[in-house]
Amino acid sequence: MNVFITHHMRFSIIICLSLIMMSCTKENPSRHLDLGNWYLQRGLLDEAITEYREVSRLYGDEQSALKRDEFQVLGTAHLKLAIAYTKKGWWDYALSEAKRSFDISPNKDCHELITLIEEKLDQDSDS
């Protein structure tokens, strides 16, 4: 009986590990967005930037094939990337990402962020 339990437990562990490894290898942009948000909330800007850029990389350049919810994830990733860049003081990069976000998913938040970044860049050029 002990031998059966031991073999059964080993088999169960192997199955569980296999399932975990399979889920890790399947890339999910939403998971990267969520992780980027988690990092951003904790002030881990470099890690957040990496996760948001991964969302963009996973969707690639073929945006015509994206579904509505995928557009929303991609647009949000670019918006959050712009926010992370502003926190690092990388205003030109932030403006570029905010504009990309607006192109993908036009909304009031993107428009306001673009306006704020442009005002900041204008102030810096006047100084």
N, C-alpha and C. Protein backbone atom coordinates (compact mmCIF):
# COMPACT_ATOMS: atom_id res chain seq x y z
N MET A 1 0.83 -1.20 0.00
CA MET A 1 0.00 0.00 0.00
C MET A 1 0.87 1.26 0.00
N ASN A 2 1.93 1.29 0.81
CA ASN A 2 2.83 2.43 0.86
C ASN A 2 3.48 2.70 -0.49
N VAL A 3 3.88 1.64 -1.18
CA VAL A 3 4.52 1.79 -2.48
C VAL A 3 3.55 2.41 -3.47
N PHE A 4 2.29 1.99 -3.43
CA PHE A 4 1.28 2.55 -4.33
C PHE A 4 1.09 4.04 -4.08
N ILE A 5 1.00 4.44 -2.83
CA ILE A 5 0.81 5.85 -2.49
C ILE A 5 2.01 6.66 -2.96
N THR A 6 3.19 6.16 -2.76
CA THR A 6 4.39 6.87 -3.17
C THR A 6 4.42 7.06 -4.68
N HIS A 7 4.14 6.01 -5.42
CA HIS A 7 4.10 6.11 -6.88
C HIS A 7 2.97 7.03 -7.34
N HIS A 8 1.84 6.91 -6.66
CA HIS A 8 0.70 7.75 -7.00
C HIS A 8 1.03 9.23 -6.75
N MET A 9 1.69 9.53 -5.65
CA MET A 9 2.07 10.91 -5.32
C MET A 9 3.09 11.44 -6.33
N ARG A 10 4.05 10.61 -6.70
CA ARG A 10 5.05 11.04 -7.69
C ARG A 10 4.38 11.35 -9.03
N PHE A 11 3.48 10.49 -9.42
CA PHE A 11 2.77 10.71 -10.67
C PHE A 11 1.96 12.01 -10.61
N SER A 12 1.29 12.26 -9.49
CA SER A 12 0.50 13.48 -9.33
C SER A 12 1.39 14.72 -9.38
N ILE A 13 2.54 14.65 -8.75
CA ILE A 13 3.48 15.78 -8.76
C ILE A 13 3.97 16.04 -10.17
N ILE A 14 4.30 14.98 -10.89
CA ILE A 14 4.77 15.14 -12.28
C ILE A 14 3.70 15.77 -13.14
N ILE A 15 2.46 15.33 -12.99
CA ILE A 15 1.35 15.90 -13.76
C ILE A 15 1.17 17.37 -13.42
N CYS A 16 1.21 17.71 -12.14
CA CYS A 16 1.04 19.11 -11.73
C CYS A 16 2.15 19.98 -12.29
N LEU A 17 3.37 19.52 -12.19
CA LEU A 17 4.50 20.29 -12.72
C LEU A 17 4.39 20.47 -14.23
N SER A 18 3.95 19.43 -14.90
CA SER A 18 3.78 19.53 -16.36
C SER A 18 2.74 20.58 -16.72
N LEU A 19 1.63 20.60 -16.00
CA LEU A 19 0.58 21.58 -16.26
C LEU A 19 1.07 23.00 -15.98
N ILE A 20 1.82 23.17 -14.92
CA ILE A 20 2.37 24.49 -14.60
C ILE A 20 3.32 24.95 -15.68
N MET A 21 4.18 24.07 -16.14
CA MET A 21 5.14 24.44 -17.18
C MET A 21 4.44 24.78 -18.48
N MET A 22 3.38 24.06 -18.81
CA MET A 22 2.64 24.34 -20.03
C MET A 22 1.96 25.70 -19.95
N SER A 23 1.42 26.04 -18.79
CA SER A 23 0.75 27.33 -18.66
C SER A 23 1.75 28.47 -18.68
N CYS A 24 2.97 28.23 -18.25
CA CYS A 24 3.99 29.28 -18.27
C CYS A 24 4.50 29.52 -19.68
N THR A 25 4.54 28.51 -20.50
CA THR A 25 5.07 28.69 -21.84
C THR A 25 4.05 29.34 -22.77
N LYS A 26 2.79 29.23 -22.47
CA LYS A 26 1.77 29.89 -23.29
C LYS A 26 1.71 31.35 -22.85
N GLU A 27 2.09 32.22 -23.75
CA GLU A 27 2.13 33.64 -23.44
C GLU A 27 0.73 34.24 -23.47
N ASN A 28 0.42 34.99 -22.44
CA ASN A 28 -0.87 35.64 -22.35
C ASN A 28 -0.64 37.14 -22.09
N PRO A 29 -0.90 37.99 -23.07
CA PRO A 29 -0.66 39.42 -22.89
C PRO A 29 -1.38 40.01 -21.69
N SER A 30 -2.58 39.54 -21.40
CA SER A 30 -3.32 40.07 -20.24
C SER A 30 -2.60 39.81 -18.94
N ARG A 31 -1.94 38.69 -18.85
CA ARG A 31 -1.18 38.37 -17.63
C ARG A 31 0.00 39.32 -17.49
N HIS A 32 0.64 39.66 -18.62
CA HIS A 32 1.74 40.61 -18.58
C HIS A 32 1.24 42.00 -18.19
N LEU A 33 0.06 42.37 -18.69
CA LEU A 33 -0.53 43.66 -18.33
C LEU A 33 -0.81 43.71 -16.83
N ASP A 34 -1.40 42.65 -16.30
CA ASP A 34 -1.70 42.59 -14.87
C ASP A 34 -0.42 42.66 -14.04
N LEU A 35 0.60 41.94 -14.46
CA LEU A 35 1.86 41.96 -13.73
C LEU A 35 2.50 43.35 -13.82
N GLY A 36 2.43 43.97 -14.99
CA GLY A 36 2.95 45.33 -15.13
C GLY A 36 2.23 46.30 -14.20
N ASN A 37 0.91 46.15 -14.09
CA ASN A 37 0.13 47.00 -13.17
C ASN A 37 0.56 46.78 -11.73
N TRP A 38 0.81 45.54 -11.37
CA TRP A 38 1.25 45.22 -10.02
C TRP A 38 2.59 45.89 -9.73
N TYR A 39 3.52 45.78 -10.68
CA TYR A 39 4.82 46.41 -10.51
C TYR A 39 4.69 47.93 -10.42
N LEU A 40 3.88 48.51 -11.29
CA LEU A 40 3.72 49.95 -11.32
C LEU A 40 3.16 50.47 -9.99
N GLN A 41 2.20 49.76 -9.44
CA GLN A 41 1.61 50.15 -8.17
C GLN A 41 2.63 50.14 -7.04
N ARG A 42 3.63 49.31 -7.16
CA ARG A 42 4.65 49.20 -6.12
C ARG A 42 5.90 50.01 -6.42
N GLY A 43 5.85 50.78 -7.51
CA GLY A 43 6.97 51.64 -7.85
C GLY A 43 8.14 50.94 -8.50
N LEU A 44 7.93 49.72 -8.96
CA LEU A 44 8.99 48.96 -9.65
C LEU A 44 8.89 49.28 -11.14
N LEU A 45 9.37 50.44 -11.50
CA LEU A 45 9.15 50.97 -12.85
C LEU A 45 9.82 50.16 -13.94
N ASP A 46 11.06 49.76 -13.74
CA ASP A 46 11.75 49.00 -14.79
C ASP A 46 11.05 47.68 -15.07
N GLU A 47 10.58 47.02 -14.02
CA GLU A 47 9.87 45.75 -14.20
C GLU A 47 8.53 45.98 -14.89
N ALA A 48 7.84 47.06 -14.50
CA ALA A 48 6.55 47.38 -15.13
C ALA A 48 6.74 47.67 -16.61
N ILE A 49 7.77 48.44 -16.94
CA ILE A 49 8.05 48.77 -18.33
C ILE A 49 8.30 47.50 -19.14
N THR A 50 9.06 46.58 -18.57
CA THR A 50 9.35 45.32 -19.26
C THR A 50 8.07 44.56 -19.56
N GLU A 51 7.16 44.50 -18.60
CA GLU A 51 5.91 43.76 -18.78
C GLU A 51 5.01 44.44 -19.82
N TYR A 52 4.90 45.76 -19.77
CA TYR A 52 4.07 46.46 -20.74
C TYR A 52 4.63 46.32 -22.16
N ARG A 53 5.93 46.37 -22.29
CA ARG A 53 6.53 46.19 -23.62
C ARG A 53 6.33 44.77 -24.13
N GLU A 54 6.27 43.81 -23.21
CA GLU A 54 6.03 42.43 -23.61
C GLU A 54 4.62 42.27 -24.20
N VAL A 55 3.66 43.00 -23.65
CA VAL A 55 2.30 42.96 -24.21
C VAL A 55 2.34 43.39 -25.67
N SER A 56 3.03 44.48 -25.93
CA SER A 56 3.14 44.98 -27.30
C SER A 56 3.86 43.98 -28.20
N ARG A 57 4.91 43.38 -27.70
CA ARG A 57 5.67 42.41 -28.48
C ARG A 57 4.81 41.20 -28.82
N LEU A 58 4.04 40.72 -27.86
CA LEU A 58 3.22 39.53 -28.09
C LEU A 58 2.13 39.76 -29.14
N TYR A 59 1.57 40.96 -29.17
CA TYR A 59 0.56 41.24 -30.17
C TYR A 59 1.17 41.52 -31.53
N GLY A 60 2.40 41.96 -31.56
CA GLY A 60 3.09 42.18 -32.82
C GLY A 60 2.53 43.33 -33.61
N ASP A 61 2.87 43.35 -34.86
CA ASP A 61 2.47 44.46 -35.74
C ASP A 61 1.16 44.20 -36.46
N GLU A 62 0.63 43.02 -36.37
CA GLU A 62 -0.60 42.66 -37.08
C GLU A 62 -1.83 43.01 -36.24
N GLN A 63 -2.10 44.29 -36.10
CA GLN A 63 -3.22 44.72 -35.27
C GLN A 63 -4.57 44.49 -35.95
N SER A 64 -4.56 44.30 -37.26
CA SER A 64 -5.83 44.10 -37.96
C SER A 64 -6.51 42.80 -37.55
N ALA A 65 -5.74 41.86 -37.01
CA ALA A 65 -6.30 40.57 -36.63
C ALA A 65 -6.76 40.54 -35.16
N LEU A 66 -6.56 41.64 -34.44
CA LEU A 66 -6.91 41.66 -33.02
C LEU A 66 -8.41 41.76 -32.80
N LYS A 67 -8.86 41.14 -31.72
CA LYS A 67 -10.25 41.25 -31.30
C LYS A 67 -10.40 42.51 -30.45
N ARG A 68 -11.62 42.87 -30.17
CA ARG A 68 -11.89 44.09 -29.41
C ARG A 68 -11.21 44.11 -28.05
N ASP A 69 -11.31 43.01 -27.31
CA ASP A 69 -10.70 42.97 -25.98
C ASP A 69 -9.17 43.01 -26.07
N GLU A 70 -8.61 42.47 -27.15
CA GLU A 70 -7.17 42.52 -27.34
C GLU A 70 -6.71 43.95 -27.64
N PHE A 71 -7.51 44.69 -28.42
CA PHE A 71 -7.21 46.10 -28.65
C PHE A 71 -7.18 46.87 -27.33
N GLN A 72 -8.14 46.55 -26.48
CA GLN A 72 -8.21 47.24 -25.19
C GLN A 72 -6.98 46.93 -24.34
N VAL A 73 -6.55 45.68 -24.31
CA VAL A 73 -5.35 45.30 -23.55
C VAL A 73 -4.12 46.01 -24.11
N LEU A 74 -4.00 46.01 -25.43
CA LEU A 74 -2.84 46.65 -26.07
C LEU A 74 -2.84 48.16 -25.82
N GLY A 75 -3.99 48.79 -25.98
CA GLY A 75 -4.09 50.23 -25.73
C GLY A 75 -3.77 50.58 -24.28
N THR A 76 -4.27 49.78 -23.36
CA THR A 76 -4.00 50.00 -21.94
C THR A 76 -2.52 49.81 -21.64
N ALA A 77 -1.89 48.82 -22.25
CA ALA A 77 -0.46 48.59 -22.03
C ALA A 77 0.35 49.80 -22.48
N HIS A 78 0.00 50.38 -23.63
CA HIS A 78 0.73 51.57 -24.10
C HIS A 78 0.47 52.77 -23.19
N LEU A 79 -0.76 52.90 -22.70
CA LEU A 79 -1.07 53.99 -21.78
C LEU A 79 -0.27 53.85 -20.48
N LYS A 80 -0.26 52.65 -19.93
CA LYS A 80 0.49 52.42 -18.69
C LYS A 80 1.99 52.57 -18.91
N LEU A 81 2.45 52.18 -20.08
CA LEU A 81 3.86 52.36 -20.42
C LEU A 81 4.19 53.85 -20.45
N ALA A 82 3.30 54.65 -21.01
CA ALA A 82 3.50 56.10 -21.03
C ALA A 82 3.57 56.65 -19.60
N ILE A 83 2.71 56.17 -18.74
CA ILE A 83 2.71 56.61 -17.34
C ILE A 83 4.02 56.23 -16.66
N ALA A 84 4.47 55.01 -16.88
CA ALA A 84 5.74 54.57 -16.29
C ALA A 84 6.89 55.43 -16.79
N TYR A 85 6.88 55.77 -18.06
CA TYR A 85 7.94 56.63 -18.62
C TYR A 85 7.90 58.02 -17.99
N THR A 86 6.71 58.56 -17.73
CA THR A 86 6.65 59.87 -17.09
C THR A 86 7.25 59.82 -15.69
N LYS A 87 7.02 58.73 -15.00
CA LYS A 87 7.57 58.60 -13.64
C LYS A 87 9.09 58.51 -13.65
N LYS A 88 9.65 58.06 -14.76
CA LYS A 88 11.11 58.00 -14.90
C LYS A 88 11.66 59.31 -15.48
N GLY A 89 10.76 60.19 -15.91
CA GLY A 89 11.18 61.45 -16.50
C GLY A 89 11.56 61.34 -17.97
N TRP A 90 11.13 60.29 -18.62
CA TRP A 90 11.42 60.05 -20.03
C TRP A 90 10.24 60.57 -20.86
N TRP A 91 10.15 61.88 -20.97
CA TRP A 91 8.98 62.54 -21.51
C TRP A 91 8.75 62.26 -22.99
N ASP A 92 9.81 62.22 -23.78
CA ASP A 92 9.63 61.94 -25.22
C ASP A 92 9.08 60.54 -25.45
N TYR A 93 9.61 59.56 -24.72
CA TYR A 93 9.10 58.20 -24.83
C TYR A 93 7.65 58.12 -24.35
N ALA A 94 7.38 58.85 -23.27
CA ALA A 94 6.02 58.85 -22.72
C ALA A 94 5.03 59.41 -23.74
N LEU A 95 5.41 60.49 -24.41
CA LEU A 95 4.52 61.09 -25.41
C LEU A 95 4.27 60.12 -26.57
N SER A 96 5.32 59.46 -27.01
CA SER A 96 5.18 58.50 -28.09
C SER A 96 4.22 57.38 -27.72
N GLU A 97 4.36 56.84 -26.52
CA GLU A 97 3.49 55.74 -26.08
C GLU A 97 2.06 56.21 -25.85
N ALA A 98 1.89 57.41 -25.33
CA ALA A 98 0.54 57.93 -25.12
C ALA A 98 -0.17 58.12 -26.46
N LYS A 99 0.57 58.59 -27.46
CA LYS A 99 -0.02 58.74 -28.79
C LYS A 99 -0.37 57.39 -29.41
N ARG A 100 0.50 56.41 -29.19
CA ARG A 100 0.19 55.05 -29.69
C ARG A 100 -1.06 54.51 -29.04
N SER A 101 -1.18 54.73 -27.73
CA SER A 101 -2.36 54.28 -27.01
C SER A 101 -3.61 54.94 -27.58
N PHE A 102 -3.53 56.24 -27.84
CA PHE A 102 -4.67 56.97 -28.39
C PHE A 102 -5.03 56.46 -29.79
N ASP A 103 -4.02 56.13 -30.58
CA ASP A 103 -4.27 55.59 -31.93
C ASP A 103 -4.99 54.25 -31.87
N ILE A 104 -4.62 53.45 -30.88
CA ILE A 104 -5.21 52.11 -30.74
C ILE A 104 -6.60 52.17 -30.13
N SER A 105 -6.71 52.98 -29.09
CA SER A 105 -7.97 53.03 -28.35
C SER A 105 -8.22 54.47 -27.89
N PRO A 106 -8.75 55.31 -28.76
CA PRO A 106 -8.95 56.72 -28.41
C PRO A 106 -9.90 56.87 -27.23
N ASN A 107 -9.43 57.59 -26.21
CA ASN A 107 -10.28 57.86 -25.06
C ASN A 107 -9.79 59.11 -24.34
N LYS A 108 -10.57 59.57 -23.40
CA LYS A 108 -10.29 60.82 -22.69
C LYS A 108 -8.99 60.73 -21.90
N ASP A 109 -8.72 59.60 -21.26
CA ASP A 109 -7.50 59.46 -20.46
C ASP A 109 -6.25 59.63 -21.31
N CYS A 110 -6.25 59.01 -22.48
CA CYS A 110 -5.10 59.14 -23.39
C CYS A 110 -4.93 60.59 -23.84
N HIS A 111 -6.05 61.21 -24.21
CA HIS A 111 -6.00 62.59 -24.69
C HIS A 111 -5.45 63.51 -23.59
N GLU A 112 -5.93 63.34 -22.38
CA GLU A 112 -5.47 64.18 -21.27
C GLU A 112 -3.99 63.94 -20.97
N LEU A 113 -3.56 62.70 -21.04
CA LEU A 113 -2.15 62.40 -20.79
C LEU A 113 -1.27 63.02 -21.87
N ILE A 114 -1.68 62.94 -23.11
CA ILE A 114 -0.92 63.56 -24.21
C ILE A 114 -0.80 65.06 -23.97
N THR A 115 -1.91 65.70 -23.59
CA THR A 115 -1.90 67.14 -23.33
C THR A 115 -0.93 67.48 -22.19
N LEU A 116 -0.97 66.72 -21.10
CA LEU A 116 -0.09 66.98 -19.96
C LEU A 116 1.38 66.80 -20.33
N ILE A 117 1.67 65.76 -21.08
CA ILE A 117 3.07 65.52 -21.48
C ILE A 117 3.56 66.62 -22.41
N GLU A 118 2.71 67.02 -23.35
CA GLU A 118 3.10 68.11 -24.25
C GLU A 118 3.34 69.41 -23.50
N GLU A 119 2.50 69.68 -22.50
CA GLU A 119 2.70 70.88 -21.67
C GLU A 119 4.04 70.80 -20.93
N LYS A 120 4.36 69.63 -20.40
CA LYS A 120 5.62 69.45 -19.69
C LYS A 120 6.80 69.65 -20.62
N LEU A 121 6.71 69.09 -21.82
CA LEU A 121 7.79 69.26 -22.80
C LEU A 121 7.94 70.72 -23.23
N ASP A 122 6.81 71.44 -23.36
CA ASP A 122 6.86 72.86 -23.70
C ASP A 122 7.52 73.67 -22.58
N GLN A 123 7.19 73.35 -21.33
CA GLN A 123 7.80 74.03 -20.19
C GLN A 123 9.31 73.80 -20.16
N ASP A 124 9.71 72.58 -20.45
CA ASP A 124 11.14 72.26 -20.44
C ASP A 124 11.89 72.98 -21.56
N SER A 125 11.23 73.13 -22.70
CA SER A 125 11.90 73.80 -23.83
C SER A 125 11.97 75.31 -23.59
N ASP A 126 11.02 75.86 -22.81
CA ASP A 126 11.04 77.29 -22.50
C ASP A 126 12.11 77.64 -21.47
N SER A 127 12.52 76.68 -20.70
CA SER A 127 13.49 76.93 -19.63
C SER A 127 14.89 77.09 -20.12
